């Protein structure tokens, strides 16, 4: 991998690796007829780099890359590296950034200079890794809390757009839902699926708590089964908290004792309001899971698995 010195202004700079070499973010150029720009034909991940007592570490790197590669296969994107090598590249780019806390965005997309809809055998695959400052990405990140509304925008069914793929074009659905929620004074949207049941937030999974039981839905509800979601379920089981994976109904939003969102950027965010319902101020299980997750990703508590990749 070709390297150049990391940018000086770490509070603002983004370190970018594009098709095999590091380069200044302002110099990255794509063709105006890039297929992904016109049709959303890309897959991506959001990965966190955390400061830990042993040095900067990437959270669940191999799991993120595995999902990225599954998504690439779904859309026929030919990744130019084996998954193991791409993990190494991400570590190298994170190290070159000089950061100990960051948001990492790997992206694979169809290029080309055509407006043909089908990209196979016409458009080449490009791969990018960006390491950018995390500060400011999440509203109220010091004391996260969220007012949510049930969205009038339906979550796209998996039969139409496979929910297990984190693809660029899929997020136009989320853009509509989140924009509507923000316009109505909320922080986040809760999307329902085509059966009228709860799917997920615009970019997060949702958990509800009933009588001490941690409850969430699964892929059958048209969700992206998030890596943070899986981590929280595993942490809960290790802590002895009962878990239940089932369909979530709109009525469940009105009767749950606690509710929270999970996501790579958001981590664990308490939901303090759902439409007109003000949630109870006491959130013992949410807070226990939130603080435990925060301690694990920052290396202050052992993880249930090999979840941290050191950037040495």
Protein backbone atom coordinates (compact mmCIF):
# COMPACT_ATOMS: atom_id res chain seq x y z
CA UNK A 1 0.00 0.00 0.00
CA UNK A 2 1.43 3.39 -0.96
CA UNK A 3 1.49 5.79 1.96
CA UNK A 4 1.86 9.49 2.51
CA UNK A 5 2.12 11.40 5.80
CA UNK A 6 -1.23 11.76 7.56
CA UNK A 7 -2.96 15.15 7.36
CA UNK A 8 -1.95 17.65 10.01
CA UNK A 9 -5.38 18.94 11.05
CA UNK A 10 -6.73 15.83 12.72
CA UNK A 11 -9.78 17.69 14.02
CA UNK A 12 -11.01 18.14 10.45
CA UNK A 13 -9.06 15.95 8.05
CA UNK A 14 -10.28 12.71 6.52
CA UNK A 15 -7.73 10.06 5.58
CA UNK A 16 -8.73 8.36 2.32
CA UNK A 17 -7.44 5.21 0.66
CA UNK A 18 -8.83 4.78 -2.85
CA UNK A 19 -8.13 1.90 -5.21
CA UNK A 20 -4.84 1.00 -3.61
CA UNK A 21 -3.26 4.22 -2.39
CA UNK A 22 -3.63 6.91 0.22
CA UNK A 23 -4.39 10.35 -1.11
CA UNK A 24 -5.69 13.70 0.11
CA UNK A 25 -9.47 13.54 0.40
CA UNK A 26 -9.88 16.59 -1.84
CA UNK A 27 -8.04 14.84 -4.66
CA UNK A 28 -10.38 11.83 -4.91
CA UNK A 29 -12.15 12.09 -8.25
CA UNK A 30 -14.81 9.96 -9.93
CA UNK A 31 -16.39 10.14 -13.36
CA UNK A 32 -19.62 12.11 -13.68
CA UNK A 33 -21.36 9.02 -15.06
CA UNK A 34 -20.25 6.76 -12.21
CA UNK A 35 -22.91 4.06 -11.93
CA UNK A 36 -23.16 4.29 -8.13
CA UNK A 37 -23.67 8.05 -8.29
CA UNK A 38 -26.70 7.62 -10.54
CA UNK A 39 -28.17 4.35 -9.25
CA UNK A 40 -26.89 3.83 -5.70
CA UNK A 41 -25.00 0.65 -6.65
CA UNK A 42 -22.65 0.55 -3.68
CA UNK A 43 -22.18 -1.35 -0.44
CA UNK A 44 -20.58 0.11 2.64
CA UNK A 45 -19.91 -0.27 6.35
CA UNK A 46 -19.62 2.03 9.34
CA UNK A 47 -16.91 0.91 11.76
CA UNK A 48 -15.65 2.52 14.96
CA UNK A 49 -12.06 3.06 16.03
CA UNK A 50 -11.81 3.48 19.80
CA UNK A 51 -9.07 4.51 22.22
CA UNK A 52 -8.29 1.64 24.60
CA UNK A 53 -5.70 1.12 27.35
CA UNK A 54 -3.69 -0.99 24.87
CA UNK A 55 -3.91 1.55 22.06
CA UNK A 56 -6.40 2.33 19.28
CA UNK A 57 -8.62 -0.62 18.40
CA UNK A 58 -11.25 -1.33 15.74
CA UNK A 59 -14.49 -2.87 16.96
CA UNK A 60 -15.56 -6.14 15.32
CA UNK A 61 -13.59 -5.49 12.15
CA UNK A 62 -13.87 -8.97 10.62
CA UNK A 63 -17.65 -9.04 11.18
CA UNK A 64 -18.06 -5.74 9.36
CA UNK A 65 -15.87 -6.83 6.46
CA UNK A 66 -17.69 -10.16 6.20
CA UNK A 67 -21.01 -8.32 5.88
CA UNK A 68 -19.52 -5.94 3.32
CA UNK A 69 -18.38 -8.88 1.20
CA UNK A 70 -21.79 -10.59 1.46
CA UNK A 71 -23.38 -7.39 0.21
CA UNK A 72 -20.85 -7.10 -2.61
CA UNK A 73 -21.65 -10.65 -3.74
CA UNK A 74 -25.37 -9.86 -3.68
CA UNK A 75 -24.88 -7.00 -6.13
CA UNK A 76 -22.17 -8.66 -8.18
CA UNK A 77 -19.38 -6.32 -7.10
CA UNK A 78 -16.01 -8.04 -7.56
CA UNK A 79 -13.86 -7.19 -4.57
CA UNK A 80 -10.22 -6.91 -5.62
CA UNK A 81 -8.84 -8.35 -2.36
CA UNK A 82 -9.61 -11.35 -0.17
CA UNK A 83 -11.55 -10.34 2.95
CA UNK A 84 -8.56 -11.02 5.20
CA UNK A 85 -6.37 -8.68 3.17
CA UNK A 86 -9.04 -5.99 3.19
CA UNK A 87 -9.13 -6.17 6.99
CA UNK A 88 -5.37 -5.55 6.96
CA UNK A 89 -5.83 -2.57 4.62
CA UNK A 90 -8.39 -1.01 6.95
CA UNK A 91 -5.98 -1.39 9.86
CA UNK A 92 -3.21 0.23 7.79
CA UNK A 93 -5.42 3.17 6.81
CA UNK A 94 -6.55 3.65 10.41
CA UNK A 95 -2.92 3.67 11.52
CA UNK A 96 -1.97 6.15 8.79
CA UNK A 97 -4.71 8.51 9.98
CA UNK A 98 -2.89 9.06 13.27
CA UNK A 99 -6.20 8.91 15.13
CA UNK A 100 -7.14 6.91 18.19
CA UNK A 101 -10.88 7.63 17.82
CA UNK A 102 -12.59 7.73 14.45
CA UNK A 103 -15.38 6.57 12.18
CA UNK A 104 -14.22 4.27 9.39
CA UNK A 105 -16.20 4.06 6.16
CA UNK A 106 -15.28 1.25 3.72
CA UNK A 107 -17.14 1.56 0.42
CA UNK A 108 -17.28 -0.58 -2.72
CA UNK A 109 -19.10 0.79 -5.74
CA UNK A 110 -19.61 0.44 -9.46
CA UNK A 111 -17.75 3.01 -11.54
CA UNK A 112 -17.92 3.25 -15.30
CA UNK A 113 -18.91 5.98 -17.71
CA UNK A 114 -22.30 4.74 -18.80
CA UNK A 115 -25.95 5.23 -17.92
CA UNK A 116 -26.77 1.58 -18.58
CA UNK A 117 -28.76 0.17 -15.68
CA UNK A 118 -27.16 -3.30 -15.50
CA UNK A 119 -23.52 -2.85 -14.42
CA UNK A 120 -22.26 -6.42 -14.88
CA UNK A 121 -19.37 -6.68 -17.38
CA UNK A 122 -19.68 -2.94 -18.05
CA UNK A 123 -18.64 -1.18 -14.83
CA UNK A 124 -15.52 -1.77 -12.79
CA UNK A 125 -15.53 -2.05 -9.00
CA UNK A 126 -13.85 0.72 -7.01
CA UNK A 127 -12.96 0.41 -3.32
CA UNK A 128 -12.50 3.24 -0.83
CA UNK A 129 -11.69 3.44 2.87
CA UNK A 130 -12.17 6.76 4.66
CA UNK A 131 -11.16 7.47 8.26
CA UNK A 132 -12.86 10.57 9.54
CA UNK A 133 -13.28 12.33 12.89
CA UNK A 134 -16.20 10.96 14.87
CA UNK A 135 -16.94 14.09 16.87
CA UNK A 136 -20.15 15.74 15.76
CA UNK A 137 -21.57 12.76 13.87
CA UNK A 138 -24.11 12.01 16.63
CA UNK A 139 -26.39 14.66 18.09
CA UNK A 140 -25.95 14.85 21.87
CA UNK A 141 -23.20 12.24 21.86
CA UNK A 142 -22.09 13.12 25.39
CA UNK A 143 -25.52 12.27 26.84
CA UNK A 144 -27.37 10.50 24.04
CA UNK A 145 -31.13 10.29 24.14
CA UNK A 146 -33.70 10.16 21.40
CA UNK A 147 -37.25 11.28 20.73
CA UNK A 148 -38.70 8.99 18.07
CA UNK A 149 -41.81 8.96 15.92
CA UNK A 150 -43.52 6.18 14.01
CA UNK A 151 -42.85 7.09 10.40
CA UNK A 152 -45.46 7.33 7.65
CA UNK A 153 -42.71 6.00 5.35
CA UNK A 154 -42.85 2.19 5.09
CA UNK A 155 -39.64 0.18 5.45
CA UNK A 156 -38.83 -1.34 2.07
CA UNK A 157 -39.61 -5.09 2.10
CA UNK A 158 -36.71 -7.51 1.81
CA UNK A 159 -38.42 -9.04 -1.20
CA UNK A 160 -37.86 -5.72 -2.96
CA UNK A 161 -34.50 -4.65 -1.50
CA UNK A 162 -32.63 -7.25 0.60
CA UNK A 163 -32.51 -5.82 4.11
CA UNK A 164 -29.44 -7.91 5.00
CA UNK A 165 -27.36 -5.81 2.59
CA UNK A 166 -25.99 -2.43 3.67
CA UNK A 167 -26.29 -0.85 0.23
CA UNK A 168 -26.19 2.81 -0.75
CA UNK A 169 -29.41 2.87 -2.74
CA UNK A 170 -31.36 1.25 0.09
CA UNK A 171 -30.83 4.31 2.26
CA UNK A 172 -33.08 6.56 0.19
CA UNK A 173 -35.83 4.88 2.22
CA UNK A 174 -34.13 6.00 5.44
CA UNK A 175 -33.52 9.50 4.10
CA UNK A 176 -37.24 9.98 3.52
CA UNK A 177 -38.18 8.66 6.96
CA UNK A 178 -35.54 10.61 8.88
CA UNK A 179 -36.22 13.84 7.01
CA UNK A 180 -39.90 13.55 7.88
CA UNK A 181 -39.09 12.87 11.55
CA UNK A 182 -36.74 15.84 11.83
CA UNK A 183 -39.25 18.14 10.14
CA UNK A 184 -41.80 17.16 12.79
CA UNK A 185 -39.44 17.87 15.70
CA UNK A 186 -38.18 14.35 16.44
CA UNK A 187 -34.66 12.95 16.45
CA UNK A 188 -35.35 9.62 14.78
CA UNK A 189 -37.95 7.62 12.88
CA UNK A 190 -39.35 4.17 13.64
CA UNK A 191 -40.24 2.48 10.37
CA UNK A 192 -42.97 -0.14 10.09
CA UNK A 193 -42.84 -2.92 7.52
CA UNK A 194 -45.50 -3.83 4.99
CA UNK A 195 -47.36 -5.90 7.61
CA UNK A 196 -47.63 -2.90 9.91
CA UNK A 197 -45.10 -4.27 12.42
CA UNK A 198 -42.01 -2.52 13.74
CA UNK A 199 -38.93 -2.82 11.53
CA UNK A 200 -36.13 -0.47 12.64
CA UNK A 201 -34.94 3.11 12.85
CA UNK A 202 -33.55 4.98 9.87
CA UNK A 203 -30.10 3.63 10.67
CA UNK A 204 -30.46 1.65 13.88
CA UNK A 205 -32.05 -1.46 15.30
CA UNK A 206 -34.62 -1.14 18.06
CA UNK A 207 -34.92 -2.94 21.41
CA UNK A 208 -37.85 -2.92 23.82
CA UNK A 209 -37.91 -4.15 27.43
CA UNK A 210 -40.89 -5.85 29.04
CA UNK A 211 -40.74 -6.96 32.70
CA UNK A 212 -36.96 -7.30 32.58
CA UNK A 213 -36.86 -9.17 29.25
CA UNK A 214 -34.78 -7.63 26.47
CA UNK A 215 -36.82 -7.95 23.27
CA UNK A 216 -36.01 -7.27 19.63
CA UNK A 217 -36.99 -8.49 16.17
CA UNK A 218 -35.05 -10.34 13.49
CA UNK A 219 -34.47 -10.41 9.74
CA UNK A 220 -38.03 -11.55 9.12
CA UNK A 221 -39.13 -8.05 10.09
CA UNK A 222 -37.12 -6.52 7.20
CA UNK A 223 -34.25 -5.27 9.32
CA UNK A 224 -30.52 -5.07 8.83
CA UNK A 225 -29.38 -7.42 11.60
CA UNK A 226 -26.81 -5.03 12.96
CA UNK A 227 -23.46 -5.89 14.48
CA UNK A 228 -24.17 -3.66 17.47
CA UNK A 229 -27.54 -5.43 17.81
CA UNK A 230 -25.81 -8.82 17.89
CA UNK A 231 -23.25 -7.50 20.39
CA UNK A 232 -25.95 -6.22 22.76
CA UNK A 233 -27.79 -9.54 22.63
CA UNK A 234 -24.57 -11.39 23.46
CA UNK A 235 -23.72 -8.97 26.26
CA UNK A 236 -27.21 -9.35 27.73
CA UNK A 237 -26.91 -13.12 27.78
CA UNK A 238 -23.52 -12.88 29.47
CA UNK A 239 -25.03 -10.56 32.10
CA UNK A 240 -27.89 -12.97 32.70
CA UNK A 241 -30.54 -10.67 31.22
CA UNK A 242 -33.35 -12.69 29.58
CA UNK A 243 -33.71 -12.08 25.84
CA UNK A 244 -36.55 -12.64 23.40
CA UNK A 245 -36.41 -12.28 19.62
CA UNK A 246 -39.87 -11.94 18.10
CA UNK A 247 -42.06 -9.73 15.95
CA UNK A 248 -42.55 -6.27 17.47
CA UNK A 249 -45.95 -4.66 17.01
CA UNK A 250 -46.96 -1.04 17.11
CA UNK A 251 -48.86 -1.85 20.33
CA UNK A 252 -45.54 -2.94 21.88
CA UNK A 253 -44.27 0.63 21.50
CA UNK A 254 -47.13 1.78 23.75
CA UNK A 255 -46.64 -0.85 26.46
CA UNK A 256 -42.88 -1.43 26.80
CA UNK A 257 -41.07 -0.40 29.98
CA UNK A 258 -37.93 0.83 28.20
CA UNK A 259 -36.78 1.29 24.62
CA UNK A 260 -33.49 2.01 22.92
CA UNK A 261 -31.77 2.10 19.53
CA UNK A 262 -28.47 0.41 18.68
CA UNK A 263 -26.00 1.17 15.91
CA UNK A 264 -22.30 1.54 15.24
CA UNK A 265 -22.34 5.32 15.48
CA UNK A 266 -25.15 5.56 18.04
CA UNK A 267 -23.97 2.65 20.24
CA UNK A 268 -26.89 2.30 22.71
CA UNK A 269 -29.26 5.29 22.75
CA UNK A 270 -32.24 5.48 25.12
CA UNK A 271 -35.56 6.38 23.54
CA UNK A 272 -37.17 8.93 25.84
CA UNK A 273 -40.28 9.63 23.77
CA UNK A 274 -42.29 7.76 21.16
CA UNK A 275 -44.70 10.19 19.50
CA UNK A 276 -46.83 11.56 22.37
CA UNK A 277 -45.70 8.91 24.87
CA UNK A 278 -43.08 10.07 27.36
CA UNK A 279 -41.05 7.05 28.42
CA UNK A 280 -40.26 6.39 32.11
CA UNK A 281 -37.21 8.26 33.37
CA UNK A 282 -35.89 5.15 35.09
CA UNK A 283 -34.13 2.94 32.53
CA UNK A 284 -32.14 0.40 34.57
CA UNK A 285 -31.58 -2.25 31.90
CA UNK A 286 -30.92 0.27 29.15
CA UNK A 287 -28.32 2.03 31.28
CA UNK A 288 -26.71 -1.24 32.33
CA UNK A 289 -26.37 -2.37 28.73
CA UNK A 290 -25.28 1.07 27.55
CA UNK A 291 -22.47 1.37 30.08
CA UNK A 292 -21.35 -2.24 29.67
CA UNK A 293 -21.21 -1.86 25.88
CA UNK A 294 -19.29 1.41 26.24
CA UNK A 295 -16.76 -0.23 28.57
CA UNK A 296 -16.26 -3.21 26.23
CA UNK A 297 -15.68 -1.23 23.03
CA UNK A 298 -13.18 1.01 24.85
CA UNK A 299 -11.27 -1.95 26.24
CA UNK A 300 -12.18 -1.30 29.86
CA UNK A 301 -14.03 -4.60 30.26
CA UNK A 302 -13.45 -8.01 28.64
CA UNK A 303 -15.59 -8.69 25.58
CA UNK A 304 -17.57 -11.91 25.12
CA UNK A 305 -15.48 -12.57 22.00
CA UNK A 306 -12.42 -11.39 20.09
CA UNK A 307 -14.04 -8.06 19.25
CA UNK A 308 -11.13 -5.60 19.27
CA UNK A 309 -8.43 -5.39 16.58
CA UNK A 310 -5.49 -3.31 17.76
CA UNK A 311 -4.05 -0.71 15.41
CA UNK A 312 -0.37 -0.89 16.29
